């Protein structure tokens, strides 16, 4: 009787150990904390994009998905609809599925700390795409454009159009300007702003550029979620309160969607005729609606960032990372996210106005027919 009891107890222990082992294997297969991706080609790449409301993000996602597939991977492309909770849930799902790599264009760069800790626990590397992810060490690389240079191109364009750097012409002439910035939860906003103000600030100090609203600080000029409707409402308010008998000569706009909203407000206030022309209005991303607006003589300038090249660079970085190859970067000093300096690869932006929109056709970004 004693022997039978001993055998029964041993069998129970072995059964419990077997259940534990099977449960552990199940957790690993689902991409739990012990998930370790295989080296080499294959597997799924998670692409977390912020929104479909901007054509550039649709193009970014499509281009990356296509190029990762050509490189031998499957892709899981998700859009967060500009809702942080959506993007967090999508990334959590990608981790659970055991995706090999996450490429994330953050809606809110500071809201992903916890979910990226889960990715790190699952040994899933992360590339921050165009918008730097903040406040976490669990981001491996950053792929973007030289965003301070974007702002410099916008600011310099305003100076050139107003003739403010011509030493012998209109030295005592003053121009009015209003300033718009991007979304306060996007780390790129400060780079665009700092770049533009680097060019504009000397003329603001001398009074050759005058901000009649006196809203000259970035936190006074931000536009939540880069929303054109929000920009339009603010521009309506700026015009009605500050420009009764005085015209706006220039508007610093960091993004094409914001520019379109600004121009709508200006046109509603009577701008856009030969007697009352639109001011200089900058932009960014060379979105089709804005390029057509430039051709039509409304928006004045945009900054072209070839997102096909950015997508290609992100794919190169991801493929190298997954195959233990050297990841190409060209900036290892400037992008501190609060927890680490993230090694980055930055592409060069190009200023576009009515004089060189053909560049976009020559580069195959648009067809000539699309710009008519």
Protein backbone atom coordinates (compact mmCIF):
# COMPACT_ATOMS: atom_id res chain seq x y z
CA UNK A 1 0.00 0.00 0.00
CA UNK A 2 2.85 2.40 0.91
CA UNK A 3 4.62 1.63 -2.42
CA UNK A 4 1.46 2.34 -4.46
CA UNK A 5 1.03 5.72 -2.72
CA UNK A 6 4.66 6.61 -3.44
CA UNK A 7 4.20 5.74 -7.15
CA UNK A 8 1.01 7.83 -7.29
CA UNK A 9 2.78 10.86 -5.78
CA UNK A 10 5.68 10.57 -8.22
CA UNK A 11 3.25 10.35 -11.15
CA UNK A 12 1.45 13.49 -9.94
CA UNK A 13 4.73 15.42 -9.74
CA UNK A 14 5.74 14.31 -13.25
CA UNK A 15 2.30 15.25 -14.61
CA UNK A 16 2.50 18.70 -13.04
CA UNK A 17 5.97 19.23 -14.47
CA UNK A 18 4.72 18.21 -17.93
CA UNK A 19 1.79 20.67 -17.73
CA UNK A 20 4.15 23.46 -16.67
CA UNK A 21 6.52 22.72 -19.56
CA UNK A 22 3.68 22.67 -22.09
CA UNK A 23 2.29 25.95 -20.73
CA UNK A 24 5.74 27.49 -20.97
CA UNK A 25 6.09 26.37 -24.60
CA UNK A 26 2.65 27.77 -25.39
CA UNK A 27 3.58 31.15 -23.95
CA UNK A 28 6.79 31.25 -25.98
CA UNK A 29 5.00 30.41 -29.23
CA UNK A 30 2.51 33.22 -28.66
CA UNK A 31 5.29 35.78 -28.38
CA UNK A 32 5.40 36.00 -24.60
CA UNK A 33 8.31 37.28 -22.56
CA UNK A 34 10.59 34.44 -23.74
CA UNK A 35 9.97 34.99 -27.44
CA UNK A 36 13.22 35.03 -29.40
CA UNK A 37 12.91 35.67 -33.17
CA UNK A 38 14.87 33.52 -35.60
CA UNK A 39 17.67 35.12 -37.54
CA UNK A 40 17.53 35.53 -41.31
CA UNK A 41 14.78 36.33 -43.77
CA UNK A 42 11.10 35.68 -43.27
CA UNK A 43 8.62 36.43 -40.52
CA UNK A 44 6.33 39.43 -40.10
CA UNK A 45 7.21 43.09 -39.67
CA UNK A 46 4.74 45.25 -37.74
CA UNK A 47 4.19 48.70 -39.26
CA UNK A 48 2.36 51.08 -36.91
CA UNK A 49 1.41 54.30 -38.73
CA UNK A 50 -0.45 57.23 -37.12
CA UNK A 51 -3.32 58.09 -39.47
CA UNK A 52 -4.90 57.80 -42.89
CA UNK A 53 -6.03 61.42 -42.82
CA UNK A 54 -2.73 62.49 -44.42
CA UNK A 55 -1.78 61.10 -47.81
CA UNK A 56 1.87 60.98 -46.83
CA UNK A 57 1.25 58.37 -44.10
CA UNK A 58 -0.76 56.25 -46.50
CA UNK A 59 2.18 56.41 -48.91
CA UNK A 60 4.72 55.67 -46.15
CA UNK A 61 2.86 52.57 -45.03
CA UNK A 62 2.31 51.32 -48.57
CA UNK A 63 5.93 51.90 -49.58
CA UNK A 64 7.36 50.16 -46.53
CA UNK A 65 5.01 47.20 -46.82
CA UNK A 66 5.92 46.74 -50.46
CA UNK A 67 9.67 47.00 -49.88
CA UNK A 68 9.69 44.70 -46.84
CA UNK A 69 7.80 42.12 -48.91
CA UNK A 70 10.38 42.42 -51.68
CA UNK A 71 13.07 41.85 -49.04
CA UNK A 72 11.44 38.56 -48.06
CA UNK A 73 9.17 39.49 -45.14
CA UNK A 74 5.45 39.56 -44.46
CA UNK A 75 3.96 42.79 -43.11
CA UNK A 76 1.20 43.81 -40.73
CA UNK A 77 0.30 47.43 -41.57
CA UNK A 78 -1.92 49.24 -39.06
CA UNK A 79 -3.16 52.83 -38.79
CA UNK A 80 -4.06 54.33 -35.41
CA UNK A 81 -6.54 56.97 -36.64
CA UNK A 82 -4.70 59.57 -34.55
CA UNK A 83 -5.87 57.85 -31.35
CA UNK A 84 -3.08 56.87 -28.97
CA UNK A 85 -5.08 54.03 -27.43
CA UNK A 86 -5.63 52.51 -30.88
CA UNK A 87 -1.91 52.54 -31.67
CA UNK A 88 -0.99 51.06 -28.30
CA UNK A 89 -3.51 48.23 -28.80
CA UNK A 90 -2.22 47.59 -32.32
CA UNK A 91 1.39 47.36 -31.12
CA UNK A 92 0.36 45.07 -28.25
CA UNK A 93 -1.31 42.78 -30.79
CA UNK A 94 1.82 42.77 -32.95
CA UNK A 95 3.89 41.75 -29.93
CA UNK A 96 1.44 38.98 -29.02
CA UNK A 97 1.66 37.64 -32.56
CA UNK A 98 5.45 37.49 -32.29
CA UNK A 99 6.33 39.91 -35.07
CA UNK A 100 10.07 40.12 -35.64
CA UNK A 101 10.40 43.90 -35.85
CA UNK A 102 8.27 46.97 -35.13
CA UNK A 103 8.49 50.13 -37.22
CA UNK A 104 6.53 52.83 -35.41
CA UNK A 105 5.52 56.34 -36.48
CA UNK A 106 4.15 57.48 -33.13
CA UNK A 107 0.92 59.42 -32.66
CA UNK A 108 2.22 60.62 -29.30
CA UNK A 109 5.95 60.04 -28.95
CA UNK A 110 5.80 59.91 -25.15
CA UNK A 111 2.88 57.46 -24.81
CA UNK A 112 4.57 54.20 -25.83
CA UNK A 113 6.90 53.53 -22.89
CA UNK A 114 4.98 50.60 -21.41
CA UNK A 115 4.12 48.82 -24.64
CA UNK A 116 7.70 49.08 -25.90
CA UNK A 117 8.91 47.57 -22.63
CA UNK A 118 6.78 44.57 -23.59
CA UNK A 119 8.43 44.52 -27.02
CA UNK A 120 11.88 44.56 -25.39
CA UNK A 121 10.90 41.71 -23.06
CA UNK A 122 9.91 39.76 -26.16
CA UNK A 123 13.25 40.59 -27.84
CA UNK A 124 11.50 42.51 -30.63
CA UNK A 125 13.59 45.45 -31.92
CA UNK A 126 12.00 48.82 -32.69
CA UNK A 127 12.72 51.42 -35.36
CA UNK A 128 11.25 54.85 -34.72
CA UNK A 129 9.97 56.15 -38.05
CA UNK A 130 10.07 59.91 -38.81
CA UNK A 131 8.76 60.84 -35.34
CA UNK A 132 11.19 60.14 -32.52
CA UNK A 133 9.76 57.96 -29.75
CA UNK A 134 10.44 59.59 -26.38
CA UNK A 135 11.10 58.54 -22.81
CA UNK A 136 12.21 54.94 -23.38
CA UNK A 137 15.48 53.10 -23.91
CA UNK A 138 13.55 50.47 -25.88
CA UNK A 139 13.96 52.04 -29.30
CA UNK A 140 16.89 50.85 -31.36
CA UNK A 141 17.14 53.20 -34.35
CA UNK A 142 15.54 56.29 -35.84
CA UNK A 143 14.87 56.91 -39.54
CA UNK A 144 13.83 60.41 -40.55
CA UNK A 145 14.72 63.56 -42.45
CA UNK A 146 16.89 66.43 -41.22
CA UNK A 147 13.93 68.10 -39.54
CA UNK A 148 15.71 71.21 -38.35
CA UNK A 149 16.76 71.73 -41.96
CA UNK A 150 13.07 71.54 -42.96
CA UNK A 151 12.36 74.53 -40.70
CA UNK A 152 15.40 76.38 -42.00
CA UNK A 153 14.15 75.96 -45.59
CA UNK A 154 10.75 77.35 -44.62
CA UNK A 155 12.19 80.31 -42.73
CA UNK A 156 14.73 81.13 -45.43
CA UNK A 157 12.04 80.99 -48.10
CA UNK A 158 10.03 83.67 -46.28
CA UNK A 159 13.10 85.89 -46.01
CA UNK A 160 13.89 85.43 -49.69
CA UNK A 161 10.35 86.19 -50.86
CA UNK A 162 10.12 89.30 -48.73
CA UNK A 163 13.61 90.42 -49.76
CA UNK A 164 14.72 90.90 -46.18
CA UNK A 165 18.34 89.87 -46.73
CA UNK A 166 18.99 92.31 -49.57
CA UNK A 167 21.29 94.83 -47.90
CA UNK A 168 20.47 97.89 -50.02
CA UNK A 169 16.74 97.39 -50.56
CA UNK A 170 13.91 98.36 -48.22
CA UNK A 171 16.15 98.23 -45.14
CA UNK A 172 13.52 100.13 -43.18
CA UNK A 173 10.51 98.24 -44.52
CA UNK A 174 8.47 96.13 -42.13
CA UNK A 175 6.43 93.01 -42.88
CA UNK A 176 3.79 91.22 -40.85
CA UNK A 177 3.99 87.49 -40.16
CA UNK A 178 2.08 84.91 -38.15
CA UNK A 179 3.63 81.69 -36.88
CA UNK A 180 2.20 78.17 -36.78
CA UNK A 181 3.82 75.09 -35.26
CA UNK A 182 3.04 71.39 -35.44
CA UNK A 183 1.45 69.11 -32.87
CA UNK A 184 2.73 69.50 -29.30
CA UNK A 185 2.97 65.71 -28.86
CA UNK A 186 5.23 65.26 -31.91
CA UNK A 187 8.95 65.57 -31.16
CA UNK A 188 9.59 66.84 -34.70
CA UNK A 189 7.60 69.99 -33.96
CA UNK A 190 10.44 71.57 -32.00
CA UNK A 191 12.96 70.80 -34.75
CA UNK A 192 10.81 72.43 -37.44
CA UNK A 193 10.17 75.42 -35.16
CA UNK A 194 13.79 75.85 -34.09
CA UNK A 195 15.02 75.63 -37.67
CA UNK A 196 12.56 78.24 -38.91
CA UNK A 197 13.11 80.62 -35.99
CA UNK A 198 16.86 80.36 -36.45
CA UNK A 199 16.29 82.18 -39.75
CA UNK A 200 13.43 84.47 -38.70
CA UNK A 201 14.45 85.51 -35.18
CA UNK A 202 17.06 88.15 -36.17
CA UNK A 203 14.39 89.98 -38.20
CA UNK A 204 11.83 89.64 -35.42
CA UNK A 205 14.34 91.29 -33.07
CA UNK A 206 14.99 94.21 -35.43
CA UNK A 207 11.27 94.70 -36.02
CA UNK A 208 11.50 94.07 -39.76
CA UNK A 209 9.18 91.15 -39.14
CA UNK A 210 6.21 91.93 -36.89
CA UNK A 211 3.89 89.34 -35.30
CA UNK A 212 0.83 91.48 -34.61
CA UNK A 213 -0.80 88.76 -32.49
CA UNK A 214 2.37 88.67 -30.34
CA UNK A 215 2.09 84.85 -30.34
CA UNK A 216 5.78 84.16 -30.81
CA UNK A 217 6.31 81.17 -28.52
CA UNK A 218 6.01 77.62 -29.79
CA UNK A 219 3.39 76.65 -27.19
CA UNK A 220 1.20 79.53 -28.46
CA UNK A 221 1.48 78.35 -32.06
CA UNK A 222 1.08 74.55 -31.86
CA UNK A 223 -1.63 72.73 -33.83
CA UNK A 224 -2.85 69.54 -32.15
CA UNK A 225 -2.57 66.48 -34.41
CA UNK A 226 -1.46 68.74 -37.27
CA UNK A 227 -5.13 69.35 -37.98
CA UNK A 228 -6.01 71.71 -40.83
CA UNK A 229 -9.40 72.57 -39.35
CA UNK A 230 -7.77 73.61 -36.08
CA UNK A 231 -5.30 75.77 -38.02
CA UNK A 232 -8.12 77.37 -40.00
CA UNK A 233 -9.97 78.36 -36.82
CA UNK A 234 -6.83 79.86 -35.31
CA UNK A 235 -6.06 81.81 -38.50
CA UNK A 236 -9.64 83.11 -38.59
CA UNK A 237 -9.16 84.37 -35.05
CA UNK A 238 -5.75 85.93 -35.77
CA UNK A 239 -7.11 87.84 -38.77
CA UNK A 240 -10.24 89.12 -37.04
CA UNK A 241 -8.36 90.33 -33.95
CA UNK A 242 -5.17 91.71 -35.48
CA UNK A 243 -5.57 92.51 -39.17
CA UNK A 244 -8.49 94.86 -39.66
CA UNK A 245 -6.82 97.39 -41.96
CA UNK A 246 -3.43 95.67 -42.17
CA UNK A 247 -2.53 92.71 -44.37
CA UNK A 248 -0.67 89.57 -43.37
CA UNK A 249 2.49 89.39 -45.48
CA UNK A 250 3.65 85.89 -44.53
CA UNK A 251 2.56 82.83 -42.57
CA UNK A 252 5.01 80.23 -41.32
CA UNK A 253 3.22 76.90 -41.70
CA UNK A 254 5.08 73.67 -40.86
CA UNK A 255 2.88 71.24 -42.84
CA UNK A 256 0.74 71.22 -45.99
CA UNK A 257 -2.47 70.17 -44.23
CA UNK A 258 -2.10 73.16 -41.90
CA UNK A 259 -1.31 75.38 -44.90
CA UNK A 260 -4.55 74.43 -46.63
CA UNK A 261 -6.51 75.40 -43.50
CA UNK A 262 -4.66 78.70 -43.24
CA UNK A 263 -5.36 79.53 -46.89
CA UNK A 264 -9.06 78.73 -46.44
CA UNK A 265 -9.22 81.24 -43.58
CA UNK A 266 -7.35 83.86 -45.63
CA UNK A 267 -9.64 83.43 -48.62
CA UNK A 268 -12.71 83.70 -46.36
CA UNK A 269 -11.29 87.03 -45.14
CA UNK A 270 -11.00 88.33 -48.70
CA UNK A 271 -7.42 87.45 -49.59
CA UNK A 272 -6.66 85.99 -52.99
CA UNK A 273 -7.35 88.79 -55.49
CA UNK A 274 -4.90 90.94 -57.45
CA UNK A 275 -5.78 93.88 -55.23
CA UNK A 276 -5.57 91.80 -52.06
CA UNK A 277 -3.08 88.95 -52.73
CA UNK A 278 -2.47 85.98 -50.51
CA UNK A 279 0.59 86.18 -48.25
CA UNK A 280 3.61 83.92 -48.48
CA UNK A 281 2.53 80.57 -47.00
CA UNK A 282 5.05 77.76 -46.44
CA UNK A 283 4.39 74.04 -46.01
CA UNK A 284 5.86 70.56 -45.85
CA UNK A 285 5.41 67.09 -47.35
CA UNK A 286 4.57 68.05 -50.97
CA UNK A 287 1.07 66.62 -50.65
CA UNK A 288 -0.81 66.64 -53.94
CA UNK A 289 -3.47 69.16 -52.85
CA UNK A 290 -0.78 71.60 -51.77
CA UNK A 291 1.38 71.14 -54.86
CA UNK A 292 -1.69 71.85 -57.00
CA UNK A 293 -2.34 74.90 -54.80
CA UNK A 294 1.23 76.07 -55.45
CA UNK A 295 0.77 75.61 -59.20
CA UNK A 296 -2.47 77.62 -58.94
CA UNK A 297 -0.66 80.47 -57.15
CA UNK A 298 -2.16 80.04 -53.67
CA UNK A 299 0.18 78.17 -51.30
CA UNK A 300 3.66 79.49 -51.97
CA UNK A 301 6.09 76.79 -50.91
CA UNK A 302 6.39 73.26 -49.54
CA UNK A 303 9.29 71.09 -48.41
CA UNK A 304 9.61 67.86 -50.36
CA UNK A 305 10.59 64.82 -48.33
CA UNK A 306 10.70 61.78 -50.58
CA UNK A 307 9.02 59.26 -48.32
CA UNK A 308 9.80 56.47 -50.81
CA UNK A 309 13.48 56.96 -49.94
CA UNK A 310 12.69 57.09 -46.22
CA UNK A 311 10.70 53.85 -46.45
CA UNK A 312 13.58 52.24 -48.35
CA UNK A 313 16.05 53.35 -45.68
CA UNK A 314 13.86 51.98 -42.88
CA UNK A 315 13.68 48.63 -44.68
CA UNK A 316 17.47 48.55 -45.09
CA UNK A 317 17.92 49.30 -41.39
CA UNK A 318 15.39 46.69 -40.35
CA UNK A 319 16.82 44.00 -42.60
CA UNK A 320 20.34 44.66 -41.34
CA UNK A 321 19.17 44.61 -37.73
CA UNK A 322 17.42 41.26 -38.15
CA UNK A 323 20.41 39.68 -39.89
CA UNK A 324 23.18 40.82 -37.54
CA UNK A 325 24.62 43.22 -40.10
CA UNK A 326 25.87 46.75 -39.53
CA UNK A 327 22.97 49.23 -39.48
CA UNK A 328 23.75 52.35 -41.51
CA UNK A 329 23.38 55.62 -39.56
CA UNK A 330 24.67 59.15 -40.13
CA UNK A 331 23.82 60.85 -36.83
CA UNK A 332 24.71 59.51 -33.40
CA UNK A 333 24.61 62.70 -31.34
CA UNK A 334 21.49 64.82 -31.87
CA UNK A 335 18.43 62.69 -31.13
CA UNK A 336 18.21 62.30 -27.36
CA UNK A 337 14.77 60.93 -26.43
CA UNK A 338 15.21 61.56 -22.71
CA UNK A 339 16.51 58.06 -21.97
CA UNK A 340 19.14 57.53 -24.66
CA UNK A 341 20.64 59.08 -27.76
CA UNK A 342 19.01 57.12 -30.57
CA UNK A 343 21.29 56.42 -33.55
CA UNK A 344 19.65 57.89 -36.65
CA UNK A 345 19.74 58.04 -40.40
CA UNK A 346 18.60 61.43 -41.74
CA UNK A 347 17.67 62.20 -45.34
CA UNK A 348 17.87 65.66 -46.95
CA UNK A 349 14.70 67.69 -47.63
CA UNK A 350 14.22 69.96 -50.69
CA UNK A 351 12.36 73.29 -50.96
CA UNK A 352 9.72 73.39 -53.72
CA UNK A 353 7.76 76.33 -55.11
CA UNK A 354 6.11 77.16 -58.42
CA UNK A 355 9.50 77.44 -60.12
CA UNK A 356 10.53 73.80 -59.55
CA UNK A 357 7.41 71.65 -59.17
CA UNK A 358 8.69 69.80 -62.26
CA UNK A 359 11.19 68.19 -59.87
CA UNK A 360 8.34 66.14 -58.41
CA UNK A 361 7.46 64.87 -61.88
CA UNK A 362 11.09 64.18 -62.79
CA UNK A 363 11.49 62.17 -59.58
CA UNK A 364 8.38 60.15 -60.39
CA UNK A 365 6.61 61.34 -57.25
CA UNK A 366 3.67 62.70 -59.28
CA UNK A 367 2.74 62.61 -62.94
CA UNK A 368 2.39 65.80 -64.96
CA UNK A 369 -1.32 65.05 -65.30
CA UNK A 370 -1.78 64.95 -61.51
CA UNK A 371 -0.45 68.50 -61.16
CA UNK A 372 -2.87 70.04 -63.65
